[in-house]
Amino acid sequence: MHGTIDGFSYGMVTPLVGYVMACLGSALGLRCTVRSLSTDRARKPGWLALGAASIGCGIWTMHFIAMLGFQVRETTISYDASLTFLSLLVAVLVVGVGVFIVGYLGARPAPLLVAGVFTGLGVAGMHYLGMAAMRMNGQLGYAPAVVAVSVLIAVVAATAALWAAVSIRGFRASLGASVVMGVAVTGMHYTGMAAVSVRVDEASHAADGSSLLNVLPMLVGPLIFLVLAAAVVMFDPLLIMGDDEPRRPAHRKPSRDGEFGAARIDIGDVVGAGEVVGAGEVVGAGEGSSSWETTPEVLDSYGSYGSYGARR
């Protein structure tokens, strides 16, 4: 007979908590990936790996927190530990492949499309592998059309996430992107769950345990990892302050300590090509002459500041 499915047995608690975890993992992954773009080449793989693991753990944690609210009234549910942790490994690895592709090749259309499709299919695979880990007194069935929609959502969400990881700048922008990504991940999960049906086998013995008791211990590891990743991000000044933009040298008023900026040039003196005021000396107007202000852009036309001295 058909089982009676209840995907919200704890009300909106599990969807909301799962959504928060998806947002947290996405936010940490975005910040770590952004950090990798401004660090030296030796540390880049470490930041990318931390970002990939954060996103993967966030997606996986969202899935199993949401599954706490999934019940079939005619049978109890437990989970196969090996398949469950295999689904976690798949989530981290496929996200890692996508993050490393865009981390090194950028968000150009070709690598972004390849990375997005691969990662999206992997995330969908993680979801359905996690579903295959369920043990119950019955058989799961799926509506193919709805499954296809869930896979499409996963691909689009993964592509958007990877694009955001290397394109979004600024702390607030990253938070906004993580909120949108959380919606996409949660939407993909519940779309996939809408495809599920259960046929209860009365001749079988009911599985031992409940979904709550079997899933909670499995969530401890990923939750601890996300907390540690959050600590790494919080203690990195560039990440928490959102200092993502490449730093440009500031041109300021010249001073005795060598700072460069706008300078006053004596109109009565000859300033030829390669003779640039900017070595810390302010040249005033001479007798019978006038003066004007010149900007760094004008001075740059004669050469770089560090290459020429000031002449009067």
C-alpha atoms as a PDB file:
ATOM      1  CA  MET A   1       0.000   0.000   0.000  1.00  0.00           C
ATOM      2  CA  HIS A   2       1.012   3.614  -0.406  1.00  0.00           C
ATOM      3  CA  GLY A   3       2.630   5.202   2.611  1.00  0.00           C
ATOM      4  CA  THR A   4       1.450   8.506   4.055  1.00  0.00           C
ATOM      5  CA  ILE A   5       4.328  10.984   3.713  1.00  0.00           C
ATOM      6  CA  ASP A   6       4.742  13.946   6.010  1.00  0.00           C
ATOM      7  CA  GLY A   7       7.665  16.169   5.036  1.00  0.00           C
ATOM      8  CA  PHE A   8       7.018  18.767   7.741  1.00  0.00           C
ATOM      9  CA  SER A   9       6.440  16.691  10.861  1.00  0.00           C
ATOM     10  CA  TYR A  10       8.138  19.401  12.966  1.00  0.00           C
ATOM     11  CA  GLY A  11       6.365  22.241  11.188  1.00  0.00           C
ATOM     12  CA  MET A  12       8.557  24.970   9.690  1.00  0.00           C
ATOM     13  CA  VAL A  13      11.398  24.366  12.148  1.00  0.00           C
ATOM     14  CA  THR A  14      13.376  21.944   9.975  1.00  0.00           C
ATOM     15  CA  PRO A  15      12.970  23.926   6.695  1.00  0.00           C
ATOM     16  CA  LEU A  16      14.054  27.160   8.366  1.00  0.00           C
ATOM     17  CA  VAL A  17      17.021  25.651  10.229  1.00  0.00           C
ATOM     18  CA  GLY A  18      18.070  23.819   7.072  1.00  0.00           C
ATOM     19  CA  TYR A  19      17.821  27.048   5.092  1.00  0.00           C
ATOM     20  CA  VAL A  20      20.013  28.856   7.638  1.00  0.00           C
ATOM     21  CA  MET A  21      22.651  26.127   7.353  1.00  0.00           C
ATOM     22  CA  ALA A  22      22.588  26.356   3.555  1.00  0.00           C
ATOM     23  CA  CYS A  23      23.077  30.129   3.807  1.00  0.00           C
ATOM     24  CA  LEU A  24      25.908  29.722   6.322  1.00  0.00           C
ATOM     25  CA  GLY A  25      27.782  27.221   4.173  1.00  0.00           C
ATOM     26  CA  SER A  26      27.279  29.378   1.071  1.00  0.00           C
ATOM     27  CA  ALA A  27      28.415  32.560   2.835  1.00  0.00           C
ATOM     28  CA  LEU A  28      31.574  30.900   4.175  1.00  0.00           C
ATOM     29  CA  GLY A  29      32.310  29.362   0.787  1.00  0.00           C
ATOM     30  CA  LEU A  30      31.896  32.696  -0.997  1.00  0.00           C
ATOM     31  CA  ARG A  31      34.148  34.548   1.438  1.00  0.00           C
ATOM     32  CA  CYS A  32      36.868  31.874   1.263  1.00  0.00           C
ATOM     33  CA  THR A  33      36.777  31.816  -2.537  1.00  0.00           C
ATOM     34  CA  VAL A  34      36.992  35.604  -2.673  1.00  0.00           C
ATOM     35  CA  ARG A  35      39.929  35.450  -0.258  1.00  0.00           C
ATOM     36  CA  SER A  36      41.716  33.016  -2.580  1.00  0.00           C
ATOM     37  CA  LEU A  37      41.660  35.634  -5.335  1.00  0.00           C
ATOM     38  CA  SER A  38      43.703  38.095  -3.282  1.00  0.00           C
ATOM     39  CA  THR A  39      46.249  35.743  -1.722  1.00  0.00           C
ATOM     40  CA  ASP A  40      49.517  34.350  -3.015  1.00  0.00           C
ATOM     41  CA  ARG A  41      49.561  31.291  -5.229  1.00  0.00           C
ATOM     42  CA  ALA A  42      50.850  28.979  -2.499  1.00  0.00           C
ATOM     43  CA  ARG A  43      47.848  29.638  -0.232  1.00  0.00           C
ATOM     44  CA  LYS A  44      45.218  29.752  -2.967  1.00  0.00           C
ATOM     45  CA  PRO A  45      44.428  25.992  -2.958  1.00  0.00           C
ATOM     46  CA  GLY A  46      43.905  26.060   0.804  1.00  0.00           C
ATOM     47  CA  TRP A  47      41.310  28.833   0.644  1.00  0.00           C
ATOM     48  CA  LEU A  48      39.559  27.173  -2.305  1.00  0.00           C
ATOM     49  CA  ALA A  49      39.454  23.833  -0.481  1.00  0.00           C
ATOM     50  CA  LEU A  50      38.054  25.478   2.660  1.00  0.00           C
ATOM     51  CA  GLY A  51      35.419  27.251   0.571  1.00  0.00           C
ATOM     52  CA  ALA A  52      34.430  24.061  -1.247  1.00  0.00           C
ATOM     53  CA  ALA A  53      34.184  22.082   1.987  1.00  0.00           C
ATOM     54  CA  SER A  54      32.070  24.839   3.558  1.00  0.00           C
ATOM     55  CA  ILE A  55      29.590  24.916   0.676  1.00  0.00           C
ATOM     56  CA  GLY A  56      29.474  21.107   0.470  1.00  0.00           C
ATOM     57  CA  CYS A  57      28.933  20.692   4.215  1.00  0.00           C
ATOM     58  CA  GLY A  58      26.305  23.445   4.191  1.00  0.00           C
ATOM     59  CA  ILE A  59      24.327  21.752   1.404  1.00  0.00           C
ATOM     60  CA  TRP A  60      24.618  18.305   3.000  1.00  0.00           C
ATOM     61  CA  THR A  61      23.671  19.600   6.456  1.00  0.00           C
ATOM     62  CA  MET A  62      20.671  21.407   4.999  1.00  0.00           C
ATOM     63  CA  HIS A  63      19.545  18.156   3.354  1.00  0.00           C
ATOM     64  CA  PHE A  64      19.667  16.044   6.503  1.00  0.00           C
ATOM     65  CA  ILE A  65      18.233  18.685   8.795  1.00  0.00           C
ATOM     66  CA  ALA A  66      15.306  18.902   6.391  1.00  0.00           C
ATOM     67  CA  MET A  67      15.083  15.097   6.447  1.00  0.00           C
ATOM     68  CA  LEU A  68      14.493  15.223  10.210  1.00  0.00           C
ATOM     69  CA  GLY A  69      11.002  16.390   9.344  1.00  0.00           C
ATOM     70  CA  PHE A  70      10.414  13.600   6.815  1.00  0.00           C
ATOM     71  CA  GLN A  71       8.301  10.742   8.111  1.00  0.00           C
ATOM     72  CA  VAL A  72       6.192   7.941   6.718  1.00  0.00           C
ATOM     73  CA  ARG A  73       3.409   7.263   9.162  1.00  0.00           C
ATOM     74  CA  GLU A  74       3.248   3.538   8.480  1.00  0.00           C
ATOM     75  CA  THR A  75       6.924   2.846   9.151  1.00  0.00           C
ATOM     76  CA  THR A  76      10.001   4.098  10.968  1.00  0.00           C
ATOM     77  CA  ILE A  77      13.059   5.384   9.124  1.00  0.00           C
ATOM     78  CA  SER A  78      16.759   4.864   9.708  1.00  0.00           C
ATOM     79  CA  TYR A  79      19.825   5.610   7.604  1.00  0.00           C
ATOM     80  CA  ASP A  80      22.715   3.534   6.318  1.00  0.00           C
ATOM     81  CA  ALA A  81      25.830   5.182   7.761  1.00  0.00           C
ATOM     82  CA  SER A  82      28.190   4.328   4.892  1.00  0.00           C
ATOM     83  CA  LEU A  83      25.887   5.687   2.178  1.00  0.00           C
ATOM     84  CA  THR A  84      25.105   8.747   4.259  1.00  0.00           C
ATOM     85  CA  PHE A  85      28.759   9.703   4.668  1.00  0.00           C
ATOM     86  CA  LEU A  86      29.411   8.822   1.033  1.00  0.00           C
ATOM     87  CA  SER A  87      26.803  11.432   0.105  1.00  0.00           C
ATOM     88  CA  LEU A  88      28.720  13.976   2.234  1.00  0.00           C
ATOM     89  CA  LEU A  89      31.950  13.091   0.449  1.00  0.00           C
ATOM     90  CA  VAL A  90      30.254  13.467  -2.941  1.00  0.00           C
ATOM     91  CA  ALA A  91      28.903  16.893  -1.970  1.00  0.00           C
ATOM     92  CA  VAL A  92      32.331  18.194  -0.920  1.00  0.00           C
ATOM     93  CA  LEU A  93      34.200  16.712  -3.892  1.00  0.00           C
ATOM     94  CA  VAL A  94      31.865  17.897  -6.642  1.00  0.00           C
ATOM     95  CA  VAL A  95      31.662  21.386  -5.175  1.00  0.00           C
ATOM     96  CA  GLY A  96      35.449  21.321  -4.869  1.00  0.00           C
ATOM     97  CA  VAL A  97      35.880  20.514  -8.560  1.00  0.00           C
ATOM     98  CA  GLY A  98      33.616  23.401  -9.535  1.00  0.00           C
ATOM     99  CA  VAL A  99      35.237  25.873  -7.141  1.00  0.00           C
ATOM    100  CA  PHE A 100      38.765  25.008  -8.308  1.00  0.00           C
ATOM    101  CA  ILE A 101      37.759  25.355 -11.971  1.00  0.00           C
ATOM    102  CA  VAL A 102      36.372  28.861 -11.558  1.00  0.00           C
ATOM    103  CA  GLY A 103      39.011  29.742  -8.965  1.00  0.00           C
ATOM    104  CA  TYR A 104      41.802  29.210 -11.499  1.00  0.00           C
ATOM    105  CA  LEU A 105      40.030  29.818 -14.825  1.00  0.00           C
ATOM    106  CA  GLY A 106      37.599  32.547 -13.758  1.00  0.00           C
ATOM    107  CA  ALA A 107      33.940  33.028 -14.663  1.00  0.00           C
ATOM    108  CA  ARG A 108      34.349  32.827 -18.430  1.00  0.00           C
ATOM    109  CA  PRO A 109      31.351  31.137 -20.092  1.00  0.00           C
ATOM    110  CA  ALA A 110      33.014  27.827 -21.040  1.00  0.00           C
ATOM    111  CA  PRO A 111      34.665  26.898 -17.717  1.00  0.00           C
ATOM    112  CA  LEU A 112      31.707  28.285 -15.755  1.00  0.00           C
ATOM    113  CA  LEU A 113      29.254  26.135 -17.724  1.00  0.00           C
ATOM    114  CA  VAL A 114      31.359  22.994 -17.316  1.00  0.00           C
ATOM    115  CA  ALA A 115      31.859  23.618 -13.604  1.00  0.00           C
ATOM    116  CA  GLY A 116      28.185  24.489 -13.056  1.00  0.00           C
ATOM    117  CA  VAL A 117      26.834  21.406 -14.825  1.00  0.00           C
ATOM    118  CA  PHE A 118      29.291  19.075 -13.089  1.00  0.00           C
ATOM    119  CA  THR A 119      28.646  20.568  -9.666  1.00  0.00           C
ATOM    120  CA  GLY A 120      24.861  20.706 -10.151  1.00  0.00           C
ATOM    121  CA  LEU A 121      24.704  17.057 -11.184  1.00  0.00           C
ATOM    122  CA  GLY A 122      26.901  16.196  -8.225  1.00  0.00           C
ATOM    123  CA  VAL A 123      24.695  18.073  -5.762  1.00  0.00           C
ATOM    124  CA  ALA A 124      21.623  16.329  -7.167  1.00  0.00           C
ATOM    125  CA  GLY A 125      23.513  13.040  -6.908  1.00  0.00           C
ATOM    126  CA  MET A 126      24.271  13.819  -3.263  1.00  0.00           C
ATOM    127  CA  HIS A 127      20.567  14.385  -2.607  1.00  0.00           C
ATOM    128  CA  TYR A 128      19.398  11.151  -4.190  1.00  0.00           C
ATOM    129  CA  LEU A 129      22.299   9.174  -2.722  1.00  0.00           C
ATOM    130  CA  GLY A 130      21.210  10.454   0.693  1.00  0.00           C
ATOM    131  CA  MET A 131      17.686   9.311  -0.090  1.00  0.00           C
ATOM    132  CA  ALA A 132      19.009   5.881  -1.089  1.00  0.00           C
ATOM    133  CA  ALA A 133      20.570   5.613   2.385  1.00  0.00           C
ATOM    134  CA  MET A 134      17.093   5.537   3.950  1.00  0.00           C
ATOM    135  CA  ARG A 135      16.025   2.240   5.474  1.00  0.00           C
ATOM    136  CA  MET A 136      12.314   1.663   6.008  1.00  0.00           C
ATOM    137  CA  ASN A 137       9.535  -0.854   5.726  1.00  0.00           C
ATOM    138  CA  GLY A 138       8.828   0.028   2.112  1.00  0.00           C
ATOM    139  CA  GLN A 139      10.115   1.097  -1.293  1.00  0.00           C
ATOM    140  CA  LEU A 140      10.801   4.625  -2.515  1.00  0.00           C
ATOM    141  CA  GLY A 141       9.473   5.762  -5.875  1.00  0.00           C
ATOM    142  CA  TYR A 142      10.098   8.956  -7.862  1.00  0.00           C
ATOM    143  CA  ALA A 143       8.178  11.018 -10.404  1.00  0.00           C
ATOM    144  CA  PRO A 144      10.662  11.379 -13.308  1.00  0.00           C
ATOM    145  CA  ALA A 145       9.451  14.816 -14.434  1.00  0.00           C
ATOM    146  CA  VAL A 146       9.788  16.311 -10.962  1.00  0.00           C
ATOM    147  CA  VAL A 147      13.204  14.707 -10.543  1.00  0.00           C
ATOM    148  CA  ALA A 148      14.303  16.345 -13.800  1.00  0.00           C
ATOM    149  CA  VAL A 149      13.123  19.740 -12.521  1.00  0.00           C
ATOM    150  CA  SER A 150      15.073  19.269  -9.284  1.00  0.00           C
ATOM    151  CA  VAL A 151      18.239  18.404 -11.223  1.00  0.00           C
ATOM    152  CA  LEU A 152      17.767  21.491 -13.416  1.00  0.00           C
ATOM    153  CA  ILE A 153      17.396  23.661 -10.307  1.00  0.00           C
ATOM    154  CA  ALA A 154      20.592  22.115  -8.899  1.00  0.00           C
ATOM    155  CA  VAL A 155      22.550  22.904 -12.086  1.00  0.00           C
ATOM    156  CA  VAL A 156      21.272  26.491 -12.263  1.00  0.00           C
ATOM    157  CA  ALA A 157      21.903  27.030  -8.545  1.00  0.00           C
ATOM    158  CA  ALA A 158      25.422  25.582  -8.766  1.00  0.00           C
ATOM    159  CA  THR A 159      26.284  27.709 -11.803  1.00  0.00           C
ATOM    160  CA  ALA A 160      24.999  30.852 -10.098  1.00  0.00           C
ATOM    161  CA  ALA A 161      26.894  29.984  -6.913  1.00  0.00           C
ATOM    162  CA  LEU A 162      30.176  29.461  -8.770  1.00  0.00           C
ATOM    163  CA  TRP A 163      29.723  32.692 -10.703  1.00  0.00           C
ATOM    164  CA  ALA A 164      29.029  34.560  -7.469  1.00  0.00           C
ATOM    165  CA  ALA A 165      32.075  32.995  -5.828  1.00  0.00           C
ATOM    166  CA  VAL A 166      34.485  34.733  -8.212  1.00  0.00           C
ATOM    167  CA  SER A 167      32.404  37.742  -9.263  1.00  0.00           C
ATOM    168  CA  ILE A 168      30.734  39.091  -6.121  1.00  0.00           C
ATOM    169  CA  ARG A 169      32.763  41.675  -4.223  1.00  0.00           C
ATOM    170  CA  GLY A 170      32.091  43.171  -0.815  1.00  0.00           C
ATOM    171  CA  PHE A 171      30.863  41.668   2.441  1.00  0.00           C
ATOM    172  CA  ARG A 172      27.229  42.736   2.053  1.00  0.00           C
ATOM    173  CA  ALA A 173      27.066  41.561  -1.544  1.00  0.00           C
ATOM    174  CA  SER A 174      28.376  38.144  -0.495  1.00  0.00           C
ATOM    175  CA  LEU A 175      25.749  37.900   2.237  1.00  0.00           C
ATOM    176  CA  GLY A 176      23.030  38.770  -0.266  1.00  0.00           C
ATOM    177  CA  ALA A 177      24.318  36.139  -2.689  1.00  0.00           C
ATOM    178  CA  SER A 178      24.399  33.510   0.068  1.00  0.00           C
ATOM    179  CA  VAL A 179      20.749  34.242   0.918  1.00  0.00           C
ATOM    180  CA  VAL A 180      19.772  33.656  -2.711  1.00  0.00           C
ATOM    181  CA  MET A 181      21.883  30.501  -2.857  1.00  0.00           C
ATOM    182  CA  GLY A 182      20.191  29.230   0.299  1.00  0.00           C
ATOM    183  CA  VAL A 183      16.814  29.667  -1.368  1.00  0.00           C
ATOM    184  CA  ALA A 184      18.016  27.762  -4.441  1.00  0.00           C
ATOM    185  CA  VAL A 185      19.485  24.862  -2.444  1.00  0.00           C
ATOM    186  CA  THR A 186      16.402  24.564  -0.239  1.00  0.00           C
ATOM    187  CA  GLY A 187      14.131  24.802  -3.282  1.00  0.00           C
ATOM    188  CA  MET A 188      16.065  22.039  -5.017  1.00  0.00           C
ATOM    189  CA  HIS A 189      15.722  19.790  -1.942  1.00  0.00           C
ATOM    190  CA  TYR A 190      11.987  20.203  -1.518  1.00  0.00           C
ATOM    191  CA  THR A 191      11.385  19.897  -5.252  1.00  0.00           C
ATOM    192  CA  GLY A 192      13.192  16.563  -5.110  1.00  0.00           C
ATOM    193  CA  MET A 193      11.132  15.535  -2.086  1.00  0.00           C
ATOM    194  CA  ALA A 194       7.944  16.373  -3.973  1.00  0.00           C
ATOM    195  CA  ALA A 195       8.887  13.613  -6.437  1.00  0.00           C
ATOM    196  CA  VAL A 196       8.976  10.962  -3.688  1.00  0.00           C
ATOM    197  CA  SER A 197       6.357   8.312  -3.085  1.00  0.00           C
ATOM    198  CA  VAL A 198       6.549   5.335  -0.714  1.00  0.00           C
ATOM    199  CA  ARG A 199       5.029   1.925  -1.147  1.00  0.00           C
ATOM    200  CA  VAL A 200       4.911   0.210   2.236  1.00  0.00           C
ATOM    201  CA  ASP A 201       5.677  -3.509   2.297  1.00  0.00           C
ATOM    202  CA  GLU A 202       3.532  -5.059   5.016  1.00  0.00           C
ATOM    203  CA  ALA A 203       5.402  -8.374   4.834  1.00  0.00           C
ATOM    204  CA  SER A 204       8.707  -6.761   5.898  1.00  0.00           C
ATOM    205  CA  HIS A 205       9.818  -5.899   9.362  1.00  0.00           C
ATOM    206  CA  ALA A 206       9.896  -2.251  10.303  1.00  0.00           C
ATOM    207  CA  ALA A 207      13.307  -0.657  10.562  1.00  0.00           C
ATOM    208  CA  ASP A 208      14.679  -0.078  14.027  1.00  0.00           C
ATOM    209  CA  GLY A 209      14.996   3.454  15.361  1.00  0.00           C
ATOM    210  CA  SER A 210      13.656   6.791  14.238  1.00  0.00           C
ATOM    211  CA  SER A 211      14.897   9.303  11.678  1.00  0.00           C
ATOM    212  CA  LEU A 212      15.700  11.813  14.432  1.00  0.00           C
ATOM    213  CA  LEU A 213      17.918   9.479  16.472  1.00  0.00           C
ATOM    214  CA  ASN A 214      19.734   8.118  13.428  1.00  0.00           C
ATOM    215  CA  VAL A 215      20.459  11.415  11.699  1.00  0.00           C
ATOM    216  CA  LEU A 216      21.513  13.634  14.593  1.00  0.00           C
ATOM    217  CA  PRO A 217      24.876  11.915  15.306  1.00  0.00           C
ATOM    218  CA  MET A 218      25.773  12.189  11.620  1.00  0.00           C
ATOM    219  CA  LEU A 219      25.268  15.949  11.672  1.00  0.00           C
ATOM    220  CA  VAL A 220      27.777  16.606  14.465  1.00  0.00           C
ATOM    221  CA  GLY A 221      30.922  16.453  12.317  1.00  0.00           C
ATOM    222  CA  PRO A 222      29.785  18.808   9.516  1.00  0.00           C
ATOM    223  CA  LEU A 223      28.318  21.237  12.063  1.00  0.00           C
ATOM    224  CA  ILE A 224      31.616  21.392  13.957  1.00  0.00           C
ATOM    225  CA  PHE A 225      33.468  21.940  10.683  1.00  0.00           C
ATOM    226  CA  LEU A 226      31.195  24.843   9.739  1.00  0.00           C
ATOM    227  CA  VAL A 227      31.774  26.426  13.155  1.00  0.00           C
ATOM    228  CA  LEU A 228      35.550  26.128  12.712  1.00  0.00           C
ATOM    229  CA  ALA A 229      35.359  27.522   9.180  1.00  0.00           C
ATOM    230  CA  ALA A 230      33.325  30.448  10.500  1.00  0.00           C
ATOM    231  CA  ALA A 231      36.050  31.085  13.098  1.00  0.00           C
ATOM    232  CA  VAL A 232      38.715  31.152  10.372  1.00  0.00           C
ATOM    233  CA  VAL A 233      36.700  33.682   8.392  1.00  0.00           C
ATOM    234  CA  MET A 234      35.952  35.838  11.436  1.00  0.00           C
ATOM    235  CA  PHE A 235      39.619  36.053  12.403  1.00  0.00           C
ATOM    236  CA  ASP A 236      40.747  37.045   8.909  1.00  0.00           C
ATOM    237  CA  PRO A 237      40.591  40.873   8.730  1.00  0.00           C
ATOM    238  CA  LEU A 238      40.309  41.021   4.945  1.00  0.00           C
ATOM    239  CA  LEU A 239      37.300  38.706   4.943  1.00  0.00           C
ATOM    240  CA  ILE A 240      35.300  40.143   7.804  1.00  0.00           C
ATOM    241  CA  MET A 241      35.911  43.740   6.658  1.00  0.00           C
ATOM    242  CA  GLY A 242      35.050  42.893   3.065  1.00  0.00           C
ATOM    243  CA  ASP A 243      38.313  44.332   1.688  1.00  0.00           C
ATOM    244  CA  ASP A 244      37.977  42.495  -1.621  1.00  0.00           C
ATOM    245  CA  GLU A 245      38.931  45.102  -4.160  1.00  0.00           C
ATOM    246  CA  PRO A 246      42.497  45.244  -5.455  1.00  0.00           C
ATOM    247  CA  ARG A 247      44.350  48.005  -3.760  1.00  0.00           C
ATOM    248  CA  ARG A 248      45.407  50.930  -5.927  1.00  0.00           C
ATOM    249  CA  PRO A 249      48.181  53.288  -4.946  1.00  0.00           C
ATOM    250  CA  ALA A 250      46.781  56.489  -3.543  1.00  0.00           C
ATOM    251  CA  HIS A 251      48.198  59.754  -4.885  1.00  0.00           C
ATOM    252  CA  ARG A 252      48.438  62.368  -2.210  1.00  0.00           C
ATOM    253  CA  LYS A 253      50.046  65.762  -1.768  1.00  0.00           C
ATOM    254  CA  PRO A 254      53.858  65.516  -1.827  1.00  0.00           C
ATOM    255  CA  SER A 255      55.633  65.667   1.501  1.00  0.00           C
ATOM    256  CA  ARG A 256      59.160  65.361   2.833  1.00  0.00           C
ATOM    257  CA  ASP A 257      58.734  61.624   3.475  1.00  0.00           C
ATOM    258  CA  GLY A 258      58.313  60.873  -0.217  1.00  0.00           C
ATOM    259  CA  GLU A 259      54.533  60.772  -0.660  1.00  0.00           C
ATOM    260  CA  PHE A 260      53.434  61.840  -4.090  1.00  0.00           C
ATOM    261  CA  GLY A 261      50.443  63.739  -5.350  1.00  0.00           C
ATOM    262  CA  ALA A 262      49.671  67.069  -6.951  1.00  0.00           C
ATOM    263  CA  ALA A 263      52.667  69.416  -7.182  1.00  0.00           C
ATOM    264  CA  ARG A 264      53.167  73.093  -7.948  1.00  0.00           C
ATOM    265  CA  ILE A 265      55.527  73.776 -10.834  1.00  0.00           C
ATOM    266  CA  ASP A 266      57.309  77.037 -11.522  1.00  0.00           C
ATOM    267  CA  ILE A 267      56.218  78.278 -14.919  1.00  0.00           C
ATOM    268  CA  GLY A 268      59.490  80.105 -15.250  1.00  0.00           C
ATOM    269  CA  ASP A 269      61.507  76.889 -15.190  1.00  0.00           C
ATOM    270  CA  VAL A 270      61.867  74.451 -18.016  1.00  0.00           C
ATOM    271  CA  VAL A 271      60.376  71.058 -17.284  1.00  0.00           C
ATOM    272  CA  GLY A 272      61.219  68.691 -20.114  1.00  0.00           C
ATOM    273  CA  ALA A 273      60.352  65.116 -20.815  1.00  0.00           C
ATOM    274  CA  GLY A 274      61.462  62.953 -17.925  1.00  0.00           C
ATOM    275  CA  GLU A 275      61.781  65.894 -15.532  1.00  0.00           C
ATOM    276  CA  VAL A 276      58.996  65.466 -13.054  1.00  0.00           C
ATOM    277  CA  VAL A 277      58.360  67.250  -9.804  1.00  0.00           C
ATOM    278  CA  GLY A 278      57.500  64.706  -7.153  1.00  0.00           C
ATOM    279  CA  ALA A 279      60.540  63.955  -5.013  1.00  0.00           C
ATOM    280  CA  GLY A 280      59.065  65.648  -2.006  1.00  0.00           C
ATOM    281  CA  GLU A 281      59.931  69.216  -3.049  1.00  0.00           C
ATOM    282  CA  VAL A 282      57.244  71.806  -3.563  1.00  0.00           C
ATOM    283  CA  VAL A 283      58.360  74.330  -6.177  1.00  0.00           C
ATOM    284  CA  GLY A 284      56.851  77.738  -5.724  1.00  0.00           C
ATOM    285  CA  ALA A 285      56.286  80.466  -8.277  1.00  0.00           C
ATOM    286  CA  GLY A 286      59.431  82.424  -9.049  1.00  0.00           C
ATOM    287  CA  GLU A 287      59.802  86.133  -9.471  1.00  0.00           C
ATOM    288  CA  GLY A 288      57.952  87.459 -12.456  1.00  0.00           C
ATOM    289  CA  SER A 289      56.228  84.163 -13.058  1.00  0.00           C
ATOM    290  CA  SER A 290      52.965  82.452 -12.248  1.00  0.00           C
ATOM    291  CA  SER A 291      52.171  78.867 -11.224  1.00  0.00           C
ATOM    292  CA  TRP A 292      49.556  76.218 -11.740  1.00  0.00           C
ATOM    293  CA  GLU A 293      48.457  72.899 -10.210  1.00  0.00           C
ATOM    294  CA  THR A 294      49.189  69.732 -12.101  1.00  0.00           C
ATOM    295  CA  THR A 295      47.664  66.357 -11.259  1.00  0.00           C
ATOM    296  CA  PRO A 296      49.355  62.944 -11.004  1.00  0.00           C
ATOM    297  CA  GLU A 297      47.854  62.000 -14.359  1.00  0.00           C
ATOM    298  CA  VAL A 298      49.731  64.865 -16.029  1.00  0.00           C
ATOM    299  CA  LEU A 299      52.928  63.993 -14.213  1.00  0.00           C
ATOM    300  CA  ASP A 300      52.592  60.349 -15.219  1.00  0.00           C
ATOM    301  CA  SER A 301      52.893  61.338 -18.864  1.00  0.00           C
ATOM    302  CA  TYR A 302      56.549  62.122 -18.189  1.00  0.00           C
ATOM    303  CA  GLY A 303      57.305  58.854 -16.458  1.00  0.00           C
ATOM    304  CA  SER A 304      56.719  57.040 -13.194  1.00  0.00           C
ATOM    305  CA  TYR A 305      57.194  58.889  -9.933  1.00  0.00           C
ATOM    306  CA  GLY A 306      59.932  56.621  -8.699  1.00  0.00           C
ATOM    307  CA  SER A 307      62.094  57.061 -11.787  1.00  0.00           C
ATOM    308  CA  TYR A 308      62.654  60.807 -11.929  1.00  0.00           C
ATOM    309  CA  GLY A 309      63.766  63.506  -9.590  1.00  0.00           C
ATOM    310  CA  ALA A 310      62.499  67.010  -9.101  1.00  0.00           C
ATOM    311  CA  ARG A 311      64.176  69.855 -10.873  1.00  0.00           C
ATOM    312  CA  ARG A 312      63.766  73.566 -10.500  1.00  0.00           C
END
